């Protein structure tokens, strides 16, 4: 599932309803409007915790914007093997996650949010 959240925190009930109805294995979200988490860096002490927003059956990888707005995340069902790829970190709102499926080639999800 791909979603432009326009504040996943303020639209938490709609987000949970979509999750319960669709039951996606992976959710790619833009405009999360969350703060405090950047790939490959320690979390800010005031960071909005994943448990405040996302159902517990997801592992969530985030790249939050330091100012209001923006931000991306990839949420993967916890029964799917996944790992955040931090080797290509840039100043962009970019999140890269490697998905490993038994007996299959790895799949990379690259989520980039940019303004025009």
Protein backbone atom coordinates (compact mmCIF):
# COMPACT_ATOMS: atom_id res chain seq x y z
CA UNK A 1 0.00 0.00 0.00
CA UNK A 2 1.25 3.47 -0.83
CA UNK A 3 -0.18 6.46 1.00
CA UNK A 4 0.36 10.21 1.19
CA UNK A 5 -0.43 10.65 4.88
CA UNK A 6 -0.46 14.42 5.23
CA UNK A 7 0.30 13.76 8.92
CA UNK A 8 -0.03 10.13 9.89
CA UNK A 9 -0.27 11.26 13.52
CA UNK A 10 -3.29 13.52 12.92
CA UNK A 11 -4.91 10.92 10.64
CA UNK A 12 -4.12 7.94 12.85
CA UNK A 13 -7.67 6.55 12.92
CA UNK A 14 -7.96 6.65 9.10
CA UNK A 15 -4.54 5.01 8.82
CA UNK A 16 -5.55 2.20 11.20
CA UNK A 17 -8.86 1.70 9.37
CA UNK A 18 -7.03 1.34 6.03
CA UNK A 19 -4.58 -1.11 7.63
CA UNK A 20 -7.40 -3.21 9.12
CA UNK A 21 -9.36 -3.26 5.85
CA UNK A 22 -6.55 -3.76 3.33
CA UNK A 23 -4.12 -5.71 5.55
CA UNK A 24 -1.05 -4.78 3.48
CA UNK A 25 2.25 -6.60 3.91
CA UNK A 26 4.16 -3.38 3.23
CA UNK A 27 3.13 0.27 3.55
CA UNK A 28 5.11 3.06 1.87
CA UNK A 29 4.18 6.46 3.22
CA UNK A 30 5.06 10.02 2.32
CA UNK A 31 4.26 13.27 4.11
CA UNK A 32 4.36 11.48 7.47
CA UNK A 33 5.01 14.74 9.32
CA UNK A 34 6.81 12.78 12.04
CA UNK A 35 10.03 13.95 13.68
CA UNK A 36 13.14 12.67 15.38
CA UNK A 37 14.28 9.66 13.34
CA UNK A 38 16.89 9.64 10.57
CA UNK A 39 18.44 6.51 9.03
CA UNK A 40 21.83 5.56 10.46
CA UNK A 41 21.64 8.12 13.27
CA UNK A 42 20.60 7.82 16.93
CA UNK A 43 16.96 8.72 17.52
CA UNK A 44 16.26 12.16 18.93
CA UNK A 45 15.19 11.96 22.58
CA UNK A 46 11.96 13.78 21.66
CA UNK A 47 11.23 11.55 18.66
CA UNK A 48 7.68 10.42 18.05
CA UNK A 49 7.79 6.71 18.77
CA UNK A 50 6.64 4.18 16.18
CA UNK A 51 4.43 2.58 18.83
CA UNK A 52 2.45 5.85 19.09
CA UNK A 53 1.39 5.60 15.44
CA UNK A 54 1.85 2.19 13.88
CA UNK A 55 0.29 -1.17 14.77
CA UNK A 56 2.71 -3.45 16.62
CA UNK A 57 2.77 -6.03 13.80
CA UNK A 58 4.93 -3.72 11.65
CA UNK A 59 8.63 -2.96 11.68
CA UNK A 60 8.86 0.69 10.66
CA UNK A 61 11.77 2.40 8.93
CA UNK A 62 11.59 6.19 8.86
CA UNK A 63 13.36 9.20 7.47
CA UNK A 64 11.76 12.23 9.09
CA UNK A 65 12.18 15.80 7.96
CA UNK A 66 13.77 18.12 10.51
CA UNK A 67 11.17 20.81 9.84
CA UNK A 68 7.37 20.65 9.68
CA UNK A 69 5.93 18.48 6.95
CA UNK A 70 7.58 15.90 4.75
CA UNK A 71 9.04 12.63 5.91
CA UNK A 72 8.82 9.09 4.55
CA UNK A 73 8.43 5.63 6.03
CA UNK A 74 8.32 2.00 5.02
CA UNK A 75 6.35 -0.30 7.35
CA UNK A 76 6.88 -4.05 6.87
CA UNK A 77 4.88 -6.85 8.50
CA UNK A 78 7.05 -8.30 11.28
CA UNK A 79 6.79 -11.82 9.83
CA UNK A 80 8.71 -10.64 6.72
CA UNK A 81 12.49 -10.45 6.96
CA UNK A 82 13.55 -6.85 6.35
CA UNK A 83 16.48 -4.58 7.06
CA UNK A 84 17.09 -0.87 6.57
CA UNK A 85 19.86 -0.04 4.09
CA UNK A 86 21.84 2.92 5.37
CA UNK A 87 24.83 2.80 2.99
CA UNK A 88 23.28 5.32 0.57
CA UNK A 89 22.14 7.96 3.05
CA UNK A 90 21.76 11.42 1.54
CA UNK A 91 20.10 14.69 2.53
CA UNK A 92 17.04 13.62 0.51
CA UNK A 93 13.88 12.21 2.03
CA UNK A 94 14.86 8.69 1.06
CA UNK A 95 14.25 5.34 2.74
CA UNK A 96 15.68 2.07 1.44
CA UNK A 97 14.63 -1.32 2.83
CA UNK A 98 15.78 -4.78 1.77
CA UNK A 99 13.11 -7.50 1.86
CA UNK A 100 14.34 -11.11 1.97
CA UNK A 101 11.94 -13.81 0.84
CA UNK A 102 12.80 -17.46 1.42
CA UNK A 103 14.01 -19.07 -1.80
CA UNK A 104 13.70 -15.81 -3.76
CA UNK A 105 15.99 -12.94 -4.69
CA UNK A 106 16.04 -9.98 -2.32
CA UNK A 107 13.70 -7.10 -3.13
CA UNK A 108 14.66 -3.51 -2.42
CA UNK A 109 12.05 -0.88 -1.69
CA UNK A 110 13.31 2.61 -2.31
CA UNK A 111 10.98 5.39 -1.29
CA UNK A 112 11.93 8.91 -2.30
CA UNK A 113 9.85 11.98 -1.69
CA UNK A 114 10.80 15.16 -3.44
CA UNK A 115 9.26 18.53 -4.13
CA UNK A 116 9.06 20.02 -7.57
